């Protein structure tokens, strides 16, 4: 039995927790992946610098337009405190918006990074790589990310209702929101590999559900990587490497649930029942083999053709 399903929930949680760290080790062992890590990291850093510049440049102007700075005394101190709080709020809002924007812009790099991890792990892909297939993969990833984000927001709104329960309501809300965030990130880190296999959104959710302990551990470690200042610049690509490795291990061990015929609402074409490293794009028709030459039928009234015999040596 595979280590990915053997053991109790705590052991499986710990094994999943280690996958982002395995992603960091995998990156060190294979520097060929570095370009696909450096480029989105530089974009994220540039977005944060832009947010900081906009904050320090326009916060005083905005505050002065709302309320002129006093001449001195306690009012000036209060005005300065308001300016600092307003600046922090603007910086956080801008940084969050630009961080999400960098994630959208960096999606092609992250998808290519995930694909390169599979190529290093399994060898070159068999299907011919085209920009059309790449664009379709990105489209599916973005659509499914939006669906997962909507699901996460709905779950978070439901969990907020637990705060009305005295004493334990807030604790339950924190635990539930942490679990929801971990599972959301786990699916997100494996989304590139799953989208290349044309898995439906429901199928992706079923994979996360079937291996909940593994996914919870990996998602929590990814959340920690993204929460550490400075390190969070490379936290996303490293977590994607770890998520891709986890999906590859599950697929190699034949531990993934198959497509369900009961899935009526699909956002992708119907999945192939044959698992493979890379499935060809559904829009590309398969090559039809040439029709075998049929034996000639004997015409009525004509003598049957005798088979040719080999010549005797002279």
Protein backbone atom coordinates (compact mmCIF):
# COMPACT_ATOMS: atom_id res chain seq x y z
CA UNK A 1 0.00 0.00 0.00
CA UNK A 2 1.27 3.48 -0.84
CA UNK A 3 2.53 5.80 1.89
CA UNK A 4 0.02 8.36 0.63
CA UNK A 5 -2.92 6.34 1.95
CA UNK A 6 -1.29 4.26 4.69
CA UNK A 7 -1.49 5.53 8.27
CA UNK A 8 -3.81 7.64 10.37
CA UNK A 9 -5.05 11.13 9.51
CA UNK A 10 -2.28 12.85 11.47
CA UNK A 11 0.44 10.91 9.62
CA UNK A 12 -1.15 11.67 6.26
CA UNK A 13 -1.48 15.34 7.24
CA UNK A 14 2.24 15.47 8.05
CA UNK A 15 3.21 13.83 4.75
CA UNK A 16 1.15 16.38 2.87
CA UNK A 17 2.66 19.18 4.96
CA UNK A 18 6.15 18.20 3.75
CA UNK A 19 5.36 18.50 0.03
CA UNK A 20 6.03 22.26 -0.30
CA UNK A 21 9.40 21.63 1.37
CA UNK A 22 9.97 18.85 -1.15
CA UNK A 23 9.16 21.42 -3.82
CA UNK A 24 11.96 23.66 -2.51
CA UNK A 25 14.40 20.71 -2.54
CA UNK A 26 13.25 19.75 -6.05
CA UNK A 27 13.96 23.29 -7.26
CA UNK A 28 17.49 23.14 -5.82
CA UNK A 29 18.13 19.81 -7.53
CA UNK A 30 16.82 21.01 -10.91
CA UNK A 31 17.94 24.61 -11.57
CA UNK A 32 16.44 24.35 -15.06
CA UNK A 33 13.18 25.38 -13.36
CA UNK A 34 14.61 28.66 -12.04
CA UNK A 35 13.54 30.89 -14.99
CA UNK A 36 9.89 29.97 -14.38
CA UNK A 37 10.32 30.88 -10.70
CA UNK A 38 12.33 34.08 -11.11
CA UNK A 39 10.06 35.78 -13.66
CA UNK A 40 6.79 35.67 -11.66
CA UNK A 41 8.76 36.49 -8.49
CA UNK A 42 10.12 39.66 -10.09
CA UNK A 43 6.62 40.60 -11.22
CA UNK A 44 5.25 40.16 -7.69
CA UNK A 45 8.10 42.22 -6.23
CA UNK A 46 7.46 44.95 -8.81
CA UNK A 47 3.77 45.04 -7.84
CA UNK A 48 4.65 45.46 -4.15
CA UNK A 49 7.12 48.26 -4.97
CA UNK A 50 4.44 50.01 -7.03
CA UNK A 51 2.01 49.72 -4.11
CA UNK A 52 4.57 51.20 -1.69
CA UNK A 53 5.41 54.06 -4.07
CA UNK A 54 1.73 54.89 -4.64
CA UNK A 55 1.08 54.82 -0.89
CA UNK A 56 3.87 57.23 0.08
CA UNK A 57 3.18 59.49 -2.89
CA UNK A 58 -0.58 59.90 -2.78
CA UNK A 59 -1.56 59.32 0.86
CA UNK A 60 -0.46 62.83 2.01
CA UNK A 61 -2.19 64.37 -1.01
CA UNK A 62 -5.41 62.47 -0.30
CA UNK A 63 -5.38 63.30 3.39
CA UNK A 64 -4.60 66.98 2.75
CA UNK A 65 -7.55 67.15 0.35
CA UNK A 66 -9.83 65.70 3.02
CA UNK A 67 -8.41 67.60 5.98
CA UNK A 68 -5.68 70.25 5.98
CA UNK A 69 -2.85 69.59 8.46
CA UNK A 70 -3.23 71.64 11.66
CA UNK A 71 -0.61 74.18 12.73
CA UNK A 72 0.50 72.15 15.73
CA UNK A 73 -0.43 70.73 19.08
CA UNK A 74 -2.55 67.68 19.74
CA UNK A 75 -4.44 68.13 16.48
CA UNK A 76 -1.25 67.75 14.46
CA UNK A 77 -0.40 64.58 16.38
CA UNK A 78 -3.88 63.22 15.68
CA UNK A 79 -3.59 64.19 12.01
CA UNK A 80 -0.25 62.37 11.76
CA UNK A 81 -1.71 59.25 13.38
CA UNK A 82 -4.62 59.31 10.94
CA UNK A 83 -2.16 59.71 8.06
CA UNK A 84 -0.18 56.65 9.20
CA UNK A 85 -3.29 54.50 9.61
CA UNK A 86 -4.67 55.64 6.26
CA UNK A 87 -1.33 54.96 4.59
CA UNK A 88 -1.18 51.43 5.99
CA UNK A 89 -4.76 50.75 4.88
CA UNK A 90 -4.07 52.05 1.36
CA UNK A 91 -0.85 50.03 1.13
CA UNK A 92 -2.56 46.81 2.24
CA UNK A 93 -5.44 47.34 -0.20
CA UNK A 94 -3.13 48.17 -3.10
CA UNK A 95 -0.74 45.34 -2.27
CA UNK A 96 -3.60 42.82 -2.08
CA UNK A 97 -5.07 44.01 -5.39
CA UNK A 98 -1.72 44.05 -7.18
CA UNK A 99 -0.80 40.67 -5.66
CA UNK A 100 -3.97 39.16 -7.11
CA UNK A 101 -3.24 40.90 -10.40
CA UNK A 102 0.29 39.47 -10.43
CA UNK A 103 -1.19 36.03 -9.81
CA UNK A 104 -3.37 36.39 -12.90
CA UNK A 105 -0.49 37.74 -14.98
CA UNK A 106 1.82 35.04 -13.63
CA UNK A 107 -0.64 32.21 -14.40
CA UNK A 108 1.10 31.31 -17.70
CA UNK A 109 4.46 31.11 -15.90
CA UNK A 110 3.03 28.98 -13.08
CA UNK A 111 1.34 26.63 -15.54
CA UNK A 112 4.54 26.25 -17.52
CA UNK A 113 6.46 25.69 -14.27
CA UNK A 114 4.08 22.88 -13.33
CA UNK A 115 4.47 21.35 -16.78
CA UNK A 116 8.26 21.53 -16.58
CA UNK A 117 8.15 19.76 -13.21
CA UNK A 118 6.25 16.90 -14.85
CA UNK A 119 8.73 16.77 -17.71
CA UNK A 120 11.63 16.53 -15.27
CA UNK A 121 9.77 13.86 -13.31
CA UNK A 122 8.41 11.72 -16.15
CA UNK A 123 10.32 12.83 -19.24
CA UNK A 124 9.28 14.95 -22.26
CA UNK A 125 5.60 15.09 -23.04
CA UNK A 126 4.31 12.88 -25.81
CA UNK A 127 1.71 15.25 -27.21
CA UNK A 128 2.87 18.05 -29.48
CA UNK A 129 3.05 21.34 -27.59
CA UNK A 130 1.22 24.25 -29.19
CA UNK A 131 0.28 27.71 -28.01
CA UNK A 132 -3.37 26.83 -28.57
CA UNK A 133 -3.20 23.94 -26.09
CA UNK A 134 -1.33 26.19 -23.66
CA UNK A 135 -4.00 28.92 -23.96
CA UNK A 136 -6.80 26.39 -23.39
CA UNK A 137 -5.01 25.06 -20.29
CA UNK A 138 -4.74 28.58 -18.90
CA UNK A 139 -8.40 29.27 -19.65
CA UNK A 140 -9.52 26.16 -17.79
CA UNK A 141 -7.27 26.99 -14.83
CA UNK A 142 -8.62 30.54 -14.55
CA UNK A 143 -12.26 29.40 -14.80
CA UNK A 144 -11.81 26.71 -12.17
CA UNK A 145 -9.90 29.09 -9.90
CA UNK A 146 -12.83 31.51 -10.10
CA UNK A 147 -15.25 28.69 -9.24
CA UNK A 148 -13.10 27.58 -6.31
CA UNK A 149 -12.82 31.17 -5.08
CA UNK A 150 -16.61 31.56 -5.21
CA UNK A 151 -17.00 28.32 -3.27
CA UNK A 152 -14.46 29.47 -0.68
CA UNK A 153 -16.23 32.83 -0.21
CA UNK A 154 -19.56 31.04 0.27
CA UNK A 155 -18.03 28.71 2.88
CA UNK A 156 -16.40 31.63 4.69
CA UNK A 157 -19.72 33.49 4.84
CA UNK A 158 -21.36 30.41 6.36
CA UNK A 159 -18.55 30.04 8.89
CA UNK A 160 -18.96 33.65 9.97
CA UNK A 161 -22.39 32.69 11.24
CA UNK A 162 -20.70 30.56 13.91
CA UNK A 163 -19.70 33.74 15.75
CA UNK A 164 -23.23 33.98 17.13
CA UNK A 165 -22.55 30.87 19.25
CA UNK A 166 -21.26 32.00 22.66
CA UNK A 167 -17.76 31.04 23.84
CA UNK A 168 -16.88 28.42 21.20
CA UNK A 169 -18.30 30.16 18.12
CA UNK A 170 -15.18 32.19 17.33
CA UNK A 171 -12.92 29.17 17.89
CA UNK A 172 -14.98 27.03 15.52
CA UNK A 173 -14.95 29.83 12.94
CA UNK A 174 -11.15 30.09 13.06
CA UNK A 175 -10.67 26.32 12.76
CA UNK A 176 -13.18 26.02 9.93
CA UNK A 177 -11.77 28.97 7.97
CA UNK A 178 -8.24 27.59 8.33
CA UNK A 179 -9.32 24.20 6.98
CA UNK A 180 -11.20 25.82 4.10
CA UNK A 181 -8.17 27.95 3.20
CA UNK A 182 -5.86 24.92 3.32
CA UNK A 183 -8.08 22.84 1.02
CA UNK A 184 -8.55 25.79 -1.34
CA UNK A 185 -4.79 26.30 -1.64
CA UNK A 186 -4.17 22.57 -2.08
CA UNK A 187 -6.49 22.44 -5.08
CA UNK A 188 -4.97 25.63 -6.44
CA UNK A 189 -1.41 24.30 -6.25
CA UNK A 190 -2.37 21.16 -8.20
CA UNK A 191 -4.66 22.92 -10.66
CA UNK A 192 -2.12 23.15 -13.48
CA UNK A 193 -1.49 19.40 -13.55
CA UNK A 194 -5.20 18.61 -13.25
CA UNK A 195 -6.24 21.07 -15.97
CA UNK A 196 -3.76 19.57 -18.43
CA UNK A 197 -5.60 16.27 -17.98
CA UNK A 198 -8.91 18.02 -18.74
CA UNK A 199 -10.42 17.11 -15.39
CA UNK A 200 -13.76 18.69 -14.60
CA UNK A 201 -14.10 21.01 -11.63
CA UNK A 202 -16.20 18.43 -9.78
CA UNK A 203 -13.54 15.80 -10.40
CA UNK A 204 -10.89 18.10 -8.93
CA UNK A 205 -13.02 18.65 -5.83
CA UNK A 206 -13.47 14.88 -5.48
CA UNK A 207 -9.70 14.39 -5.55
CA UNK A 208 -9.26 16.92 -2.75
CA UNK A 209 -12.10 15.33 -0.78
CA UNK A 210 -10.76 11.78 -1.14
CA UNK A 211 -7.31 12.78 0.15
CA UNK A 212 -8.45 15.42 2.64
CA UNK A 213 -5.69 14.82 5.20
CA UNK A 214 -2.92 15.05 2.59
CA UNK A 215 -4.48 18.13 1.01
CA UNK A 216 -4.99 19.83 4.35
CA UNK A 217 -1.34 19.39 5.28
CA UNK A 218 -0.03 20.62 1.94
CA UNK A 219 -2.44 23.55 1.88
CA UNK A 220 -1.50 24.64 5.40
CA UNK A 221 2.22 24.53 4.55
CA UNK A 222 1.52 26.56 1.39
CA UNK A 223 -0.39 29.13 3.47
CA UNK A 224 2.60 29.41 5.80
CA UNK A 225 4.93 29.95 2.84
CA UNK A 226 2.67 32.71 1.52
CA UNK A 227 2.43 34.39 4.95
CA UNK A 228 6.18 34.74 5.59
CA UNK A 229 7.37 38.24 4.58
CA UNK A 230 9.91 38.35 1.73
CA UNK A 231 9.87 34.56 1.43
CA UNK A 232 6.30 34.78 0.18
CA UNK A 233 7.69 36.18 -3.08
CA UNK A 234 8.82 32.66 -4.00
CA UNK A 235 6.26 30.89 -1.82
CA UNK A 236 3.74 30.52 -4.65
CA UNK A 237 6.04 28.84 -7.24
CA UNK A 238 7.58 26.56 -4.60
CA UNK A 239 4.13 25.50 -3.42
CA UNK A 240 3.09 24.85 -7.03
CA UNK A 241 6.12 22.58 -7.45
CA UNK A 242 5.13 20.72 -4.28
CA UNK A 243 1.50 20.43 -5.39
CA UNK A 244 2.54 19.09 -8.79
CA UNK A 245 4.78 16.49 -7.15
CA UNK A 246 1.91 15.39 -4.90
CA UNK A 247 -0.46 15.00 -7.83
CA UNK A 248 2.16 13.05 -9.78
CA UNK A 249 2.66 10.70 -6.82
CA UNK A 250 -1.08 10.15 -6.53
CA UNK A 251 -1.39 9.47 -10.25
CA UNK A 252 1.64 7.20 -10.34
CA UNK A 253 0.25 5.22 -7.41
CA UNK A 254 -3.17 4.99 -9.12
CA UNK A 255 -4.78 6.70 -6.13
CA UNK A 256 -6.93 9.18 -8.05
CA UNK A 257 -10.70 8.69 -8.30
CA UNK A 258 -11.96 8.07 -11.80
CA UNK A 259 -14.50 10.29 -13.57
CA UNK A 260 -18.05 9.80 -12.39
CA UNK A 261 -20.86 9.28 -14.88
CA UNK A 262 -23.20 11.06 -12.47
CA UNK A 263 -21.40 14.37 -13.00
CA UNK A 264 -23.96 16.22 -15.09
CA UNK A 265 -22.61 19.75 -14.75
CA UNK A 266 -19.18 19.84 -16.32
CA UNK A 267 -17.15 22.88 -17.20
CA UNK A 268 -14.78 20.87 -19.39
CA UNK A 269 -15.16 18.21 -22.07
CA UNK A 270 -15.80 14.70 -20.80
CA UNK A 271 -12.69 13.18 -19.32
CA UNK A 272 -10.76 10.31 -20.76
CA UNK A 273 -11.11 7.04 -18.89
CA UNK A 274 -7.48 6.19 -19.57
CA UNK A 275 -5.08 7.98 -17.20
CA UNK A 276 -2.04 9.41 -18.95
CA UNK A 277 0.68 11.92 -18.32
CA UNK A 278 -0.56 14.21 -21.06
CA UNK A 279 -3.82 13.91 -22.92
CA UNK A 280 -4.09 15.49 -26.33
CA UNK A 281 -6.34 18.45 -26.84
CA UNK A 282 -9.92 17.39 -27.45
CA UNK A 283 -10.18 19.81 -30.38
CA UNK A 284 -7.41 18.04 -32.31
CA UNK A 285 -8.86 15.07 -34.23
CA UNK A 286 -6.91 11.85 -33.82
CA UNK A 287 -5.08 10.43 -36.79
CA UNK A 288 -7.15 7.81 -38.58
CA UNK A 289 -5.10 4.79 -39.62
CA UNK A 290 -5.09 3.88 -43.27
CA UNK A 291 -7.63 1.31 -44.26
CA UNK A 292 -6.10 -2.07 -44.77
CA UNK A 293 -6.20 -3.30 -48.32
CA UNK A 294 -8.94 -5.89 -48.66
CA UNK A 295 -8.25 -9.06 -50.64
CA UNK A 296 -9.52 -8.86 -54.20
CA UNK A 297 -12.75 -10.67 -54.80
CA UNK A 298 -12.89 -13.18 -57.59
CA UNK A 299 -15.14 -12.11 -60.42
CA UNK A 300 -17.67 -14.71 -61.56
CA UNK A 301 -16.75 -16.54 -64.74
CA UNK A 302 -13.02 -15.85 -64.43
CA UNK A 303 -10.45 -18.36 -63.25
CA UNK A 304 -9.17 -17.88 -59.78
CA UNK A 305 -5.76 -16.24 -59.50
CA UNK A 306 -3.07 -18.62 -58.45
CA UNK A 307 -0.60 -17.43 -55.85
CA UNK A 308 2.85 -16.64 -57.15
CA UNK A 309 5.43 -19.25 -56.26
CA UNK A 310 9.03 -18.36 -55.50
CA UNK A 311 11.46 -18.85 -58.36
CA UNK A 312 13.69 -21.87 -58.27
CA UNK A 313 17.37 -21.11 -58.07
CA UNK A 314 19.19 -21.45 -61.43
